[in-house]
């Protein structure tokens, strides 16, 4: 899953920049973060840390994938998708991205909260 996620980050950058030249470069920081999470997971000996790293990595990947899926769906369904998504200041691409990041972070904290509550019972 890590290799797929890392390669997908380059595709994500490409989608975020309206399939512009150099969009893959925007995916590099996201790939580096996923590589760091993968290395940290395999180097960790603490099962609790491994669980947290896995949950975060999983939600990180699915937040990026959710964003990309919504953008692709909009590209298919909306006639003038480029204006709708990418023209500033009304462009929705950054708002959709921020929404998916908030969904991922909220889900991560909700999972951690439920795990701690379950462990305290």
PDB file of N, CA and C in Angstrom:
ATOM      1  N   UNK A   1       0.826  -1.187   0.000  1.00  0.00           N
ATOM      2  CA  UNK A   1       0.000   0.000   0.000  1.00  0.00           C
ATOM      3  C   UNK A   1       0.874   1.255   0.000  1.00  0.00           C
ATOM      4  N   UNK A   2       2.017   1.196   0.637  1.00  0.00           N
ATOM      5  CA  UNK A   2       2.874   2.381   0.707  1.00  0.00           C
ATOM      6  C   UNK A   2       3.368   2.795  -0.672  1.00  0.00           C
ATOM      7  N   UNK A   3       3.780   1.835  -1.474  1.00  0.00           N
ATOM      8  CA  UNK A   3       4.290   2.165  -2.812  1.00  0.00           C
ATOM      9  C   UNK A   3       3.176   2.769  -3.659  1.00  0.00           C
ATOM     10  N   UNK A   4       1.998   2.176  -3.593  1.00  0.00           N
ATOM     11  CA  UNK A   4       0.857   2.717  -4.329  1.00  0.00           C
ATOM     12  C   UNK A   4       0.537   4.126  -3.856  1.00  0.00           C
ATOM     13  N   UNK A   5       0.543   4.342  -2.544  1.00  0.00           N
ATOM     14  CA  UNK A   5       0.260   5.665  -1.993  1.00  0.00           C
ATOM     15  C   UNK A   5       1.278   6.702  -2.415  1.00  0.00           C
ATOM     16  N   UNK A   6       2.538   6.309  -2.407  1.00  0.00           N
ATOM     17  CA  UNK A   6       3.604   7.244  -2.790  1.00  0.00           C
ATOM     18  C   UNK A   6       3.457   7.638  -4.254  1.00  0.00           C
ATOM     19  N   UNK A   7       3.217   6.660  -5.117  1.00  0.00           N
ATOM     20  CA  UNK A   7       3.031   6.965  -6.531  1.00  0.00           C
ATOM     21  C   UNK A   7       1.755   7.777  -6.758  1.00  0.00           C
ATOM     22  N   UNK A   8       0.740   7.494  -5.973  1.00  0.00           N
ATOM     23  CA  UNK A   8      -0.517   8.221  -6.111  1.00  0.00           C
ATOM     24  C   UNK A   8      -0.355   9.697  -5.739  1.00  0.00           C
ATOM     25  N   UNK A   9       0.532  10.009  -4.825  1.00  0.00           N
ATOM     26  CA  UNK A   9       0.747  11.407  -4.436  1.00  0.00           C
ATOM     27  C   UNK A   9       1.170  12.250  -5.635  1.00  0.00           C
ATOM     28  N   UNK A  10       1.926  11.654  -6.564  1.00  0.00           N
ATOM     29  CA  UNK A  10       2.306  12.395  -7.760  1.00  0.00           C
ATOM     30  C   UNK A  10       1.080  12.667  -8.629  1.00  0.00           C
ATOM     31  N   UNK A  11       0.196  11.695  -8.736  1.00  0.00           N
ATOM     32  CA  UNK A  11      -1.053  11.872  -9.486  1.00  0.00           C
ATOM     33  C   UNK A  11      -1.924  12.942  -8.817  1.00  0.00           C
ATOM     34  N   UNK A  12      -1.949  12.923  -7.493  1.00  0.00           N
ATOM     35  CA  UNK A  12      -2.715  13.911  -6.740  1.00  0.00           C
ATOM     36  C   UNK A  12      -2.260  15.327  -7.084  1.00  0.00           C
ATOM     37  N   UNK A  13      -0.959  15.554  -7.115  1.00  0.00           N
ATOM     38  CA  UNK A  13      -0.422  16.870  -7.468  1.00  0.00           C
ATOM     39  C   UNK A  13      -0.823  17.285  -8.871  1.00  0.00           C
ATOM     40  N   UNK A  14      -0.852  16.321  -9.751  1.00  0.00           N
ATOM     41  CA  UNK A  14      -1.241  16.566 -11.137  1.00  0.00           C
ATOM     42  C   UNK A  14      -2.707  16.996 -11.215  1.00  0.00           C
ATOM     43  N   UNK A  15      -3.580  16.339 -10.450  1.00  0.00           N
ATOM     44  CA  UNK A  15      -5.004  16.682 -10.427  1.00  0.00           C
ATOM     45  C   UNK A  15      -5.214  18.052  -9.795  1.00  0.00           C
ATOM     46  N   UNK A  16      -4.485  18.318  -8.708  1.00  0.00           N
ATOM     47  CA  UNK A  16      -4.654  19.577  -7.980  1.00  0.00           C
ATOM     48  C   UNK A  16      -4.290  20.790  -8.840  1.00  0.00           C
ATOM     49  N   UNK A  17      -3.375  20.610  -9.782  1.00  0.00           N
ATOM     50  CA  UNK A  17      -2.922  21.726 -10.615  1.00  0.00           C
ATOM     51  C   UNK A  17      -3.604  21.740 -11.979  1.00  0.00           C
ATOM     52  N   UNK A  18      -4.768  21.132 -12.086  1.00  0.00           N
ATOM     53  CA  UNK A  18      -5.557  21.132 -13.326  1.00  0.00           C
ATOM     54  C   UNK A  18      -4.797  20.458 -14.467  1.00  0.00           C
ATOM     55  N   UNK A  19      -4.087  19.404 -14.150  1.00  0.00           N
ATOM     56  CA  UNK A  19      -3.320  18.638 -15.142  1.00  0.00           C
ATOM     57  C   UNK A  19      -2.286  19.499 -15.849  1.00  0.00           C
ATOM     58  N   UNK A  20      -1.782  20.484 -15.125  1.00  0.00           N
ATOM     59  CA  UNK A  20      -0.781  21.379 -15.686  1.00  0.00           C
ATOM     60  C   UNK A  20       0.612  20.755 -15.655  1.00  0.00           C
ATOM     61  N   UNK A  21       1.479  21.337 -16.433  1.00  0.00           N
ATOM     62  CA  UNK A  21       2.862  20.869 -16.466  1.00  0.00           C
ATOM     63  C   UNK A  21       3.506  21.108 -15.103  1.00  0.00           C
ATOM     64  N   UNK A  22       4.196  20.141 -14.601  1.00  0.00           N
ATOM     65  CA  UNK A  22       4.861  20.258 -13.315  1.00  0.00           C
ATOM     66  C   UNK A  22       3.956  19.944 -12.140  1.00  0.00           C
ATOM     67  N   UNK A  23       2.767  19.467 -12.391  1.00  0.00           N
ATOM     68  CA  UNK A  23       1.847  19.133 -11.307  1.00  0.00           C
ATOM     69  C   UNK A  23       2.378  18.035 -10.412  1.00  0.00           C
ATOM     70  N   UNK A  24       3.155  17.131 -11.011  1.00  0.00           N
ATOM     71  CA  UNK A  24       3.732  16.063 -10.219  1.00  0.00           C
ATOM     72  C   UNK A  24       4.683  16.608  -9.165  1.00  0.00           C
ATOM     73  N   UNK A  25       5.308  17.741  -9.442  1.00  0.00           N
ATOM     74  CA  UNK A  25       6.208  18.355  -8.464  1.00  0.00           C
ATOM     75  C   UNK A  25       5.460  18.754  -7.199  1.00  0.00           C
ATOM     76  N   UNK A  26       4.204  19.138  -7.344  1.00  0.00           N
ATOM     77  CA  UNK A  26       3.395  19.486  -6.191  1.00  0.00           C
ATOM     78  C   UNK A  26       3.124  18.256  -5.322  1.00  0.00           C
ATOM     79  N   UNK A  27       3.152  17.083  -5.925  1.00  0.00           N
ATOM     80  CA  UNK A  27       2.938  15.845  -5.184  1.00  0.00           C
ATOM     81  C   UNK A  27       4.147  15.385  -4.390  1.00  0.00           C
ATOM     82  N   UNK A  28       5.313  15.947  -4.645  1.00  0.00           N
ATOM     83  CA  UNK A  28       6.536  15.506  -3.958  1.00  0.00           C
ATOM     84  C   UNK A  28       6.462  15.677  -2.440  1.00  0.00           C
ATOM     85  N   UNK A  29       6.042  16.822  -1.900  1.00  0.00           N
ATOM     86  CA  UNK A  29       5.962  16.922  -0.428  1.00  0.00           C
ATOM     87  C   UNK A  29       5.001  15.901   0.185  1.00  0.00           C
ATOM     88  N   UNK A  30       3.907  15.625  -0.510  1.00  0.00           N
ATOM     89  CA  UNK A  30       2.954  14.642  -0.010  1.00  0.00           C
ATOM     90  C   UNK A  30       3.564  13.237  -0.041  1.00  0.00           C
ATOM     91  N   UNK A  31       4.359  12.964  -1.080  1.00  0.00           N
ATOM     92  CA  UNK A  31       5.058  11.673  -1.165  1.00  0.00           C
ATOM     93  C   UNK A  31       6.106  11.537  -0.074  1.00  0.00           C
ATOM     94  N   UNK A  32       6.839  12.603   0.181  1.00  0.00           N
ATOM     95  CA  UNK A  32       7.873  12.562   1.218  1.00  0.00           C
ATOM     96  C   UNK A  32       7.242  12.302   2.582  1.00  0.00           C
ATOM     97  N   UNK A  33       6.107  12.938   2.845  1.00  0.00           N
ATOM     98  CA  UNK A  33       5.410  12.692   4.115  1.00  0.00           C
ATOM     99  C   UNK A  33       4.985  11.232   4.227  1.00  0.00           C
ATOM    100  N   UNK A  34       4.463  10.664   3.151  1.00  0.00           N
ATOM    101  CA  UNK A  34       4.043   9.263   3.184  1.00  0.00           C
ATOM    102  C   UNK A  34       5.236   8.328   3.323  1.00  0.00           C
ATOM    103  N   UNK A  35       6.355   8.653   2.705  1.00  0.00           N
ATOM    104  CA  UNK A  35       7.580   7.849   2.878  1.00  0.00           C
ATOM    105  C   UNK A  35       8.025   7.911   4.333  1.00  0.00           C
ATOM    106  N   UNK A  36       8.012   9.113   4.920  1.00  0.00           N
ATOM    107  CA  UNK A  36       8.394   9.267   6.326  1.00  0.00           C
ATOM    108  C   UNK A  36       7.491   8.468   7.251  1.00  0.00           C
ATOM    109  N   UNK A  37       6.186   8.486   6.996  1.00  0.00           N
ATOM    110  CA  UNK A  37       5.254   7.710   7.807  1.00  0.00           C
ATOM    111  C   UNK A  37       5.509   6.209   7.668  1.00  0.00           C
ATOM    112  N   UNK A  38       5.821   5.769   6.464  1.00  0.00           N
ATOM    113  CA  UNK A  38       6.104   4.353   6.230  1.00  0.00           C
ATOM    114  C   UNK A  38       7.364   3.920   6.963  1.00  0.00           C
ATOM    115  N   UNK A  39       8.413   4.721   6.867  1.00  0.00           N
ATOM    116  CA  UNK A  39       9.672   4.401   7.565  1.00  0.00           C
ATOM    117  C   UNK A  39       9.456   4.391   9.068  1.00  0.00           C
ATOM    118  N   UNK A  40       8.738   5.384   9.571  1.00  0.00           N
ATOM    119  CA  UNK A  40       8.465   5.446  11.011  1.00  0.00           C
ATOM    120  C   UNK A  40       7.670   4.224  11.472  1.00  0.00           C
ATOM    121  N   UNK A  41       6.734   3.770  10.652  1.00  0.00           N
ATOM    122  CA  UNK A  41       5.939   2.594  10.997  1.00  0.00           C
ATOM    123  C   UNK A  41       6.831   1.359  11.128  1.00  0.00           C
ATOM    124  N   UNK A  42       7.708   1.156  10.169  1.00  0.00           N
ATOM    125  CA  UNK A  42       8.547  -0.042  10.189  1.00  0.00           C
ATOM    126  C   UNK A  42       9.662   0.028  11.225  1.00  0.00           C
ATOM    127  N   UNK A  43      10.063   1.221  11.615  1.00  0.00           N
ATOM    128  CA  UNK A  43      11.103   1.353  12.635  1.00  0.00           C
ATOM    129  C   UNK A  43      10.549   1.338  14.057  1.00  0.00           C
ATOM    130  N   UNK A  44       9.253   1.534  14.186  1.00  0.00           N
ATOM    131  CA  UNK A  44       8.643   1.599  15.511  1.00  0.00           C
ATOM    132  C   UNK A  44       8.506   0.200  16.117  1.00  0.00           C
ATOM    133  N   UNK A  45       8.827   0.100  17.399  1.00  0.00           N
ATOM    134  CA  UNK A  45       8.676  -1.160  18.126  1.00  0.00           C
ATOM    135  C   UNK A  45       7.456  -1.161  19.029  1.00  0.00           C
ATOM    136  N   UNK A  46       6.903   0.000  19.288  1.00  0.00           N
ATOM    137  CA  UNK A  46       5.758   0.149  20.165  1.00  0.00           C
ATOM    138  C   UNK A  46       4.470  -0.129  19.379  1.00  0.00           C
ATOM    139  N   UNK A  47       3.670  -1.121  19.804  1.00  0.00           N
ATOM    140  CA  UNK A  47       2.437  -1.433  19.069  1.00  0.00           C
ATOM    141  C   UNK A  47       1.444  -0.263  19.013  1.00  0.00           C
ATOM    142  N   UNK A  48       1.403   0.538  20.062  1.00  0.00           N
ATOM    143  CA  UNK A  48       0.500   1.689  20.072  1.00  0.00           C
ATOM    144  C   UNK A  48       0.940   2.725  19.034  1.00  0.00           C
ATOM    145  N   UNK A  49       2.232   2.954  18.920  1.00  0.00           N
ATOM    146  CA  UNK A  49       2.747   3.883  17.910  1.00  0.00           C
ATOM    147  C   UNK A  49       2.484   3.362  16.506  1.00  0.00           C
ATOM    148  N   UNK A  50       2.663   2.057  16.321  1.00  0.00           N
ATOM    149  CA  UNK A  50       2.391   1.450  15.015  1.00  0.00           C
ATOM    150  C   UNK A  50       0.925   1.626  14.635  1.00  0.00           C
ATOM    151  N   UNK A  51       0.034   1.435  15.595  1.00  0.00           N
ATOM    152  CA  UNK A  51      -1.401   1.594  15.335  1.00  0.00           C
ATOM    153  C   UNK A  51      -1.714   3.032  14.929  1.00  0.00           C
ATOM    154  N   UNK A  52      -1.158   3.998  15.666  1.00  0.00           N
ATOM    155  CA  UNK A  52      -1.397   5.405  15.355  1.00  0.00           C
ATOM    156  C   UNK A  52      -0.833   5.783  13.985  1.00  0.00           C
ATOM    157  N   UNK A  53       0.380   5.313  13.695  1.00  0.00           N
ATOM    158  CA  UNK A  53       0.993   5.611  12.404  1.00  0.00           C
ATOM    159  C   UNK A  53       0.203   4.991  11.260  1.00  0.00           C
ATOM    160  N   UNK A  54      -0.258   3.760  11.456  1.00  0.00           N
ATOM    161  CA  UNK A  54      -1.050   3.116  10.409  1.00  0.00           C
ATOM    162  C   UNK A  54      -2.351   3.865  10.182  1.00  0.00           C
ATOM    163  N   UNK A  55      -3.051   4.200  11.260  1.00  0.00           N
ATOM    164  CA  UNK A  55      -4.310   4.930  11.124  1.00  0.00           C
ATOM    165  C   UNK A  55      -4.108   6.262  10.422  1.00  0.00           C
ATOM    166  N   UNK A  56      -3.065   6.991  10.819  1.00  0.00           N
ATOM    167  CA  UNK A  56      -2.812   8.290  10.205  1.00  0.00           C
ATOM    168  C   UNK A  56      -2.469   8.134   8.726  1.00  0.00           C
ATOM    169  N   UNK A  57      -1.603   7.176   8.395  1.00  0.00           N
ATOM    170  CA  UNK A  57      -1.208   6.958   6.998  1.00  0.00           C
ATOM    171  C   UNK A  57      -2.405   6.555   6.148  1.00  0.00           C
ATOM    172  N   UNK A  58      -3.214   5.662   6.687  1.00  0.00           N
ATOM    173  CA  UNK A  58      -4.397   5.184   5.979  1.00  0.00           C
ATOM    174  C   UNK A  58      -5.357   6.342   5.703  1.00  0.00           C
ATOM    175  N   UNK A  59      -5.631   7.157   6.711  1.00  0.00           N
ATOM    176  CA  UNK A  59      -6.542   8.283   6.532  1.00  0.00           C
ATOM    177  C   UNK A  59      -5.940   9.375   5.653  1.00  0.00           C
ATOM    178  N   UNK A  60      -4.637   9.554   5.719  1.00  0.00           N
ATOM    179  CA  UNK A  60      -3.937  10.508   4.857  1.00  0.00           C
ATOM    180  C   UNK A  60      -4.118  10.119   3.393  1.00  0.00           C
ATOM    181  N   UNK A  61      -3.877   8.847   3.098  1.00  0.00           N
ATOM    182  CA  UNK A  61      -4.030   8.363   1.728  1.00  0.00           C
ATOM    183  C   UNK A  61      -5.479   8.498   1.258  1.00  0.00           C
ATOM    184  N   UNK A  62      -6.428   8.080   2.090  1.00  0.00           N
ATOM    185  CA  UNK A  62      -7.816   8.127   1.672  1.00  0.00           C
ATOM    186  C   UNK A  62      -8.374   9.549   1.612  1.00  0.00           C
ATOM    187  N   UNK A  63      -7.813  10.467   2.352  1.00  0.00           N
ATOM    188  CA  UNK A  63      -8.211  11.871   2.203  1.00  0.00           C
ATOM    189  C   UNK A  63      -7.763  12.401   0.847  1.00  0.00           C
ATOM    190  N   UNK A  64      -6.539  12.082   0.445  1.00  0.00           N
ATOM    191  CA  UNK A  64      -6.061  12.504  -0.872  1.00  0.00           C
ATOM    192  C   UNK A  64      -6.851  11.815  -1.979  1.00  0.00           C
ATOM    193  N   UNK A  65      -7.144  10.537  -1.793  1.00  0.00           N
ATOM    194  CA  UNK A  65      -7.906   9.799  -2.798  1.00  0.00           C
ATOM    195  C   UNK A  65      -9.347  10.319  -2.882  1.00  0.00           C
ATOM    196  N   UNK A  66      -9.939  10.662  -1.743  1.00  0.00           N
ATOM    197  CA  UNK A  66     -11.283  11.219  -1.747  1.00  0.00           C
ATOM    198  C   UNK A  66     -11.334  12.542  -2.487  1.00  0.00           C
ATOM    199  N   UNK A  67     -10.348  13.381  -2.235  1.00  0.00           N
ATOM    200  CA  UNK A  67     -10.252  14.661  -2.945  1.00  0.00           C
ATOM    201  C   UNK A  67     -10.162  14.422  -4.446  1.00  0.00           C
ATOM    202  N   UNK A  68      -9.279  13.545  -4.842  1.00  0.00           N
ATOM    203  CA  UNK A  68      -9.078  13.285  -6.270  1.00  0.00           C
ATOM    204  C   UNK A  68     -10.327  12.691  -6.907  1.00  0.00           C
ATOM    205  N   UNK A  69     -11.022  11.826  -6.189  1.00  0.00           N
ATOM    206  CA  UNK A  69     -12.244  11.224  -6.722  1.00  0.00           C
ATOM    207  C   UNK A  69     -13.327  12.278  -6.948  1.00  0.00           C
ATOM    208  N   UNK A  70     -13.462  13.198  -6.002  1.00  0.00           N
ATOM    209  CA  UNK A  70     -14.454  14.269  -6.150  1.00  0.00           C
ATOM    210  C   UNK A  70     -14.101  15.161  -7.344  1.00  0.00           C
ATOM    211  N   UNK A  71     -12.827  15.496  -7.485  1.00  0.00           N
ATOM    212  CA  UNK A  71     -12.403  16.333  -8.612  1.00  0.00           C
ATOM    213  C   UNK A  71     -12.689  15.618  -9.931  1.00  0.00           C
ATOM    214  N   UNK A  72     -12.379  14.334 -10.014  1.00  0.00           N
ATOM    215  CA  UNK A  72     -12.635  13.574 -11.241  1.00  0.00           C
ATOM    216  C   UNK A  72     -14.129  13.485 -11.522  1.00  0.00           C
ATOM    217  N   UNK A  73     -14.938  13.321 -10.489  1.00  0.00           N
ATOM    218  CA  UNK A  73     -16.391  13.275 -10.664  1.00  0.00           C
ATOM    219  C   UNK A  73     -16.914  14.614 -11.176  1.00  0.00           C
ATOM    220  N   UNK A  74     -16.402  15.703 -10.633  1.00  0.00           N
ATOM    221  CA  UNK A  74     -16.798  17.034 -11.101  1.00  0.00           C
ATOM    222  C   UNK A  74     -16.376  17.227 -12.553  1.00  0.00           C
ATOM    223  N   UNK A  75     -15.186  16.750 -12.902  1.00  0.00           N
ATOM    224  CA  UNK A  75     -14.714  16.874 -14.286  1.00  0.00           C
ATOM    225  C   UNK A  75     -15.645  16.141 -15.256  1.00  0.00           C
ATOM    226  N   UNK A  76     -16.223  15.037 -14.802  1.00  0.00           N
ATOM    227  CA  UNK A  76     -17.114  14.272 -15.666  1.00  0.00           C
ATOM    228  C   UNK A  76     -18.497  14.916 -15.751  1.00  0.00           C
ATOM    229  N   UNK A  77     -19.008  15.419 -14.630  1.00  0.00           N
ATOM    230  CA  UNK A  77     -20.404  15.873 -14.548  1.00  0.00           C
ATOM    231  C   UNK A  77     -20.625  17.341 -14.906  1.00  0.00           C
ATOM    232  N   UNK A  78     -19.665  18.197 -14.660  1.00  0.00           N
ATOM    233  CA  UNK A  78     -19.845  19.642 -14.882  1.00  0.00           C
ATOM    234  C   UNK A  78     -19.288  20.001 -16.258  1.00  0.00           C
ATOM    235  N   UNK A  79     -20.120  20.703 -17.048  1.00  0.00           N
ATOM    236  CA  UNK A  79     -19.704  21.054 -18.405  1.00  0.00           C
ATOM    237  C   UNK A  79     -18.467  21.948 -18.424  1.00  0.00           C
ATOM    238  N   UNK A  80     -18.490  23.024 -17.661  1.00  0.00           N
ATOM    239  CA  UNK A  80     -17.375  23.951 -17.632  1.00  0.00           C
ATOM    240  C   UNK A  80     -16.607  23.753 -16.319  1.00  0.00           C
ATOM    241  N   UNK A  81     -16.045  22.574 -16.140  1.00  0.00           N
ATOM    242  CA  UNK A  81     -15.410  22.221 -14.865  1.00  0.00           C
ATOM    243  C   UNK A  81     -14.194  23.071 -14.562  1.00  0.00           C
ATOM    244  N   UNK A  82     -13.470  23.508 -15.583  1.00  0.00           N
ATOM    245  CA  UNK A  82     -12.239  24.255 -15.329  1.00  0.00           C
ATOM    246  C   UNK A  82     -12.547  25.576 -14.621  1.00  0.00           C
ATOM    247  N   UNK A  83     -13.538  26.291 -15.100  1.00  0.00           N
ATOM    248  CA  UNK A  83     -13.919  27.536 -14.424  1.00  0.00           C
ATOM    249  C   UNK A  83     -14.428  27.255 -13.021  1.00  0.00           C
ATOM    250  N   UNK A  84     -15.241  26.225 -12.875  1.00  0.00           N
ATOM    251  CA  UNK A  84     -15.819  25.888 -11.584  1.00  0.00           C
ATOM    252  C   UNK A  84     -14.739  25.529 -10.563  1.00  0.00           C
ATOM    253  N   UNK A  85     -13.754  24.772 -10.976  1.00  0.00           N
ATOM    254  CA  UNK A  85     -12.747  24.284 -10.037  1.00  0.00           C
ATOM    255  C   UNK A  85     -11.558  25.208  -9.845  1.00  0.00           C
ATOM    256  N   UNK A  86     -11.046  25.767 -10.931  1.00  0.00           N
ATOM    257  CA  UNK A  86      -9.716  26.355 -10.871  1.00  0.00           C
ATOM    258  C   UNK A  86      -9.644  27.871 -10.975  1.00  0.00           C
ATOM    259  N   UNK A  87     -10.665  28.545 -11.486  1.00  0.00           N
ATOM    260  CA  UNK A  87     -10.576  29.999 -11.595  1.00  0.00           C
ATOM    261  C   UNK A  87     -10.690  30.635 -10.227  1.00  0.00           C
ATOM    262  N   UNK A  88      -9.750  31.524  -9.924  1.00  0.00           N
ATOM    263  CA  UNK A  88      -9.737  32.229  -8.637  1.00  0.00           C
ATOM    264  C   UNK A  88     -10.555  33.495  -8.751  1.00  0.00           C
ATOM    265  N   UNK A  89     -11.173  34.009  -7.750  1.00  0.00           N
ATOM    266  CA  UNK A  89     -11.239  33.539  -6.381  1.00  0.00           C
ATOM    267  C   UNK A  89     -12.402  32.578  -6.137  1.00  0.00           C
ATOM    268  N   UNK A  90     -13.209  32.326  -7.162  1.00  0.00           N
ATOM    269  CA  UNK A  90     -14.373  31.474  -6.967  1.00  0.00           C
ATOM    270  C   UNK A  90     -14.051  29.986  -7.096  1.00  0.00           C
ATOM    271  N   UNK A  91     -12.849  29.636  -7.451  1.00  0.00           N
ATOM    272  CA  UNK A  91     -12.487  28.238  -7.672  1.00  0.00           C
ATOM    273  C   UNK A  91     -12.687  27.372  -6.435  1.00  0.00           C
ATOM    274  N   UNK A  92     -13.177  26.178  -6.660  1.00  0.00           N
ATOM    275  CA  UNK A  92     -13.526  25.286  -5.559  1.00  0.00           C
ATOM    276  C   UNK A  92     -12.447  24.270  -5.223  1.00  0.00           C
ATOM    277  N   UNK A  93     -11.414  24.154  -6.011  1.00  0.00           N
ATOM    278  CA  UNK A  93     -10.454  23.072  -5.817  1.00  0.00           C
ATOM    279  C   UNK A  93      -9.781  23.133  -4.443  1.00  0.00           C
ATOM    280  N   UNK A  94      -9.374  24.302  -4.007  1.00  0.00           N
ATOM    281  CA  UNK A  94      -8.714  24.418  -2.702  1.00  0.00           C
ATOM    282  C   UNK A  94      -9.687  24.202  -1.546  1.00  0.00           C
ATOM    283  N   UNK A  95     -10.943  24.627  -1.741  1.00  0.00           N
ATOM    284  CA  UNK A  95     -11.956  24.411  -0.702  1.00  0.00           C
ATOM    285  C   UNK A  95     -12.277  22.931  -0.550  1.00  0.00           C
ATOM    286  N   UNK A  96     -12.348  22.228  -1.668  1.00  0.00           N
ATOM    287  CA  UNK A  96     -12.590  20.785  -1.626  1.00  0.00           C
ATOM    288  C   UNK A  96     -11.416  20.083  -0.958  1.00  0.00           C
ATOM    289  N   UNK A  97     -10.199  20.506  -1.292  1.00  0.00           N
ATOM    290  CA  UNK A  97      -9.007  19.915  -0.677  1.00  0.00           C
ATOM    291  C   UNK A  97      -9.003  20.139   0.834  1.00  0.00           C
ATOM    292  N   UNK A  98      -9.266  21.352   1.251  1.00  0.00           N
ATOM    293  CA  UNK A  98      -9.309  21.661   2.679  1.00  0.00           C
ATOM    294  C   UNK A  98     -10.394  20.849   3.382  1.00  0.00           C
ATOM    295  N   UNK A  99     -11.530  20.690   2.730  1.00  0.00           N
ATOM    296  CA  UNK A  99     -12.605  19.884   3.299  1.00  0.00           C
ATOM    297  C   UNK A  99     -12.187  18.445   3.524  1.00  0.00           C
ATOM    298  N   UNK A 100     -11.483  17.855   2.566  1.00  0.00           N
ATOM    299  CA  UNK A 100     -11.032  16.468   2.722  1.00  0.00           C
ATOM    300  C   UNK A 100      -9.949  16.342   3.789  1.00  0.00           C
ATOM    301  N   UNK A 101      -9.098  17.351   3.916  1.00  0.00           N
ATOM    302  CA  UNK A 101      -8.092  17.333   4.991  1.00  0.00           C
ATOM    303  C   UNK A 101      -8.784  17.399   6.348  1.00  0.00           C
ATOM    304  N   UNK A 102      -9.791  18.250   6.471  1.00  0.00           N
ATOM    305  CA  UNK A 102     -10.540  18.346   7.731  1.00  0.00           C
ATOM    306  C   UNK A 102     -11.264  17.042   8.035  1.00  0.00           C
ATOM    307  N   UNK A 103     -11.837  16.413   7.019  1.00  0.00           N
ATOM    308  CA  UNK A 103     -12.495  15.114   7.212  1.00  0.00           C
ATOM    309  C   UNK A 103     -11.490  14.082   7.721  1.00  0.00           C
ATOM    310  N   UNK A 104     -10.298  14.036   7.124  1.00  0.00           N
ATOM    311  CA  UNK A 104      -9.268  13.083   7.544  1.00  0.00           C
ATOM    312  C   UNK A 104      -8.807  13.316   8.967  1.00  0.00           C
ATOM    313  N   UNK A 105      -8.542  14.562   9.331  1.00  0.00           N
ATOM    314  CA  UNK A 105      -8.079  14.886  10.686  1.00  0.00           C
ATOM    315  C   UNK A 105      -9.157  14.579  11.712  1.00  0.00           C
ATOM    316  N   UNK A 106     -10.384  14.965  11.399  1.00  0.00           N
ATOM    317  CA  UNK A 106     -11.493  14.694  12.314  1.00  0.00           C
ATOM    318  C   UNK A 106     -11.686  13.198  12.518  1.00  0.00           C
ATOM    319  N   UNK A 107     -11.610  12.436  11.442  1.00  0.00           N
ATOM    320  CA  UNK A 107     -11.758  10.984  11.540  1.00  0.00           C
ATOM    321  C   UNK A 107     -10.643  10.371  12.370  1.00  0.00           C
ATOM    322  N   UNK A 108      -9.421  10.861  12.183  1.00  0.00           N
ATOM    323  CA  UNK A 108      -8.291  10.342  12.962  1.00  0.00           C
ATOM    324  C   UNK A 108      -8.517  10.562  14.460  1.00  0.00           C
ATOM    325  N   UNK A 109      -8.884  11.790  14.827  1.00  0.00           N
ATOM    326  CA  UNK A 109      -9.110  12.070  16.241  1.00  0.00           C
ATOM    327  C   UNK A 109     -10.315  11.307  16.798  1.00  0.00           C
ATOM    328  N   UNK A 110     -11.326  11.098  15.983  1.00  0.00           N
ATOM    329  CA  UNK A 110     -12.490  10.316  16.407  1.00  0.00           C
ATOM    330  C   UNK A 110     -12.098   8.859  16.663  1.00  0.00           C
ATOM    331  N   UNK A 111     -11.270   8.295  15.779  1.00  0.00           N
ATOM    332  CA  UNK A 111     -10.793   6.916  15.969  1.00  0.00           C
ATOM    333  C   UNK A 111      -9.955   6.811  17.236  1.00  0.00           C
ATOM    334  N   UNK A 112      -9.061   7.769  17.449  1.00  0.00           N
ATOM    335  CA  UNK A 112      -8.215   7.751  18.656  1.00  0.00           C
ATOM    336  C   UNK A 112      -9.053   7.912  19.919  1.00  0.00           C
ATOM    337  N   UNK A 113     -10.025   8.792  19.876  1.00  0.00           N
ATOM    338  CA  UNK A 113     -10.900   8.998  21.030  1.00  0.00           C
ATOM    339  C   UNK A 113     -11.660   7.712  21.367  1.00  0.00           C
ATOM    340  N   UNK A 114     -12.215   7.076  20.360  1.00  0.00           N
ATOM    341  CA  UNK A 114     -12.954   5.831  20.595  1.00  0.00           C
ATOM    342  C   UNK A 114     -12.048   4.708  21.074  1.00  0.00           C
ATOM    343  N   UNK A 115     -10.827   4.669  20.573  1.00  0.00           N
ATOM    344  CA  UNK A 115      -9.882   3.645  21.018  1.00  0.00           C
ATOM    345  C   UNK A 115      -9.545   3.839  22.495  1.00  0.00           C
ATOM    346  N   UNK A 116      -9.257   5.079  22.885  1.00  0.00           N
ATOM    347  CA  UNK A 116      -8.942   5.346  24.297  1.00  0.00           C
ATOM    348  C   UNK A 116     -10.133   5.075  25.194  1.00  0.00           C
ATOM    349  N   UNK A 117     -11.324   5.424  24.737  1.00  0.00           N
ATOM    350  CA  UNK A 117     -12.523   5.167  25.512  1.00  0.00           C
ATOM    351  C   UNK A 117     -12.760   3.665  25.657  1.00  0.00           C
ATOM    352  N   UNK A 118     -12.499   2.918  24.621  1.00  0.00           N
ATOM    353  CA  UNK A 118     -12.661   1.465  24.659  1.00  0.00           C
ATOM    354  C   UNK A 118     -11.636   0.834  25.585  1.00  0.00           C
ATOM    355  N   UNK A 119     -10.423   1.357  25.589  1.00  0.00           N
ATOM    356  CA  UNK A 119      -9.360   0.798  26.430  1.00  0.00           C
ATOM    357  C   UNK A 119      -9.574   1.128  27.920  1.00  0.00           C
ATOM    358  N   UNK A 120     -10.259   2.225  28.206  1.00  0.00           N
ATOM    359  CA  UNK A 120     -10.506   2.614  29.607  1.00  0.00           C
ATOM    360  C   UNK A 120     -11.674   1.882  30.231  1.00  0.00           C
ATOM    361  N   UNK A 121     -12.436   1.175  29.450  1.00  0.00           N
ATOM    362  CA  UNK A 121     -13.586   0.433  30.001  1.00  0.00           C
ATOM    363  C   UNK A 121     -13.151  -0.849  30.639  1.00  0.00           C
TER     364      UNK A 121
END
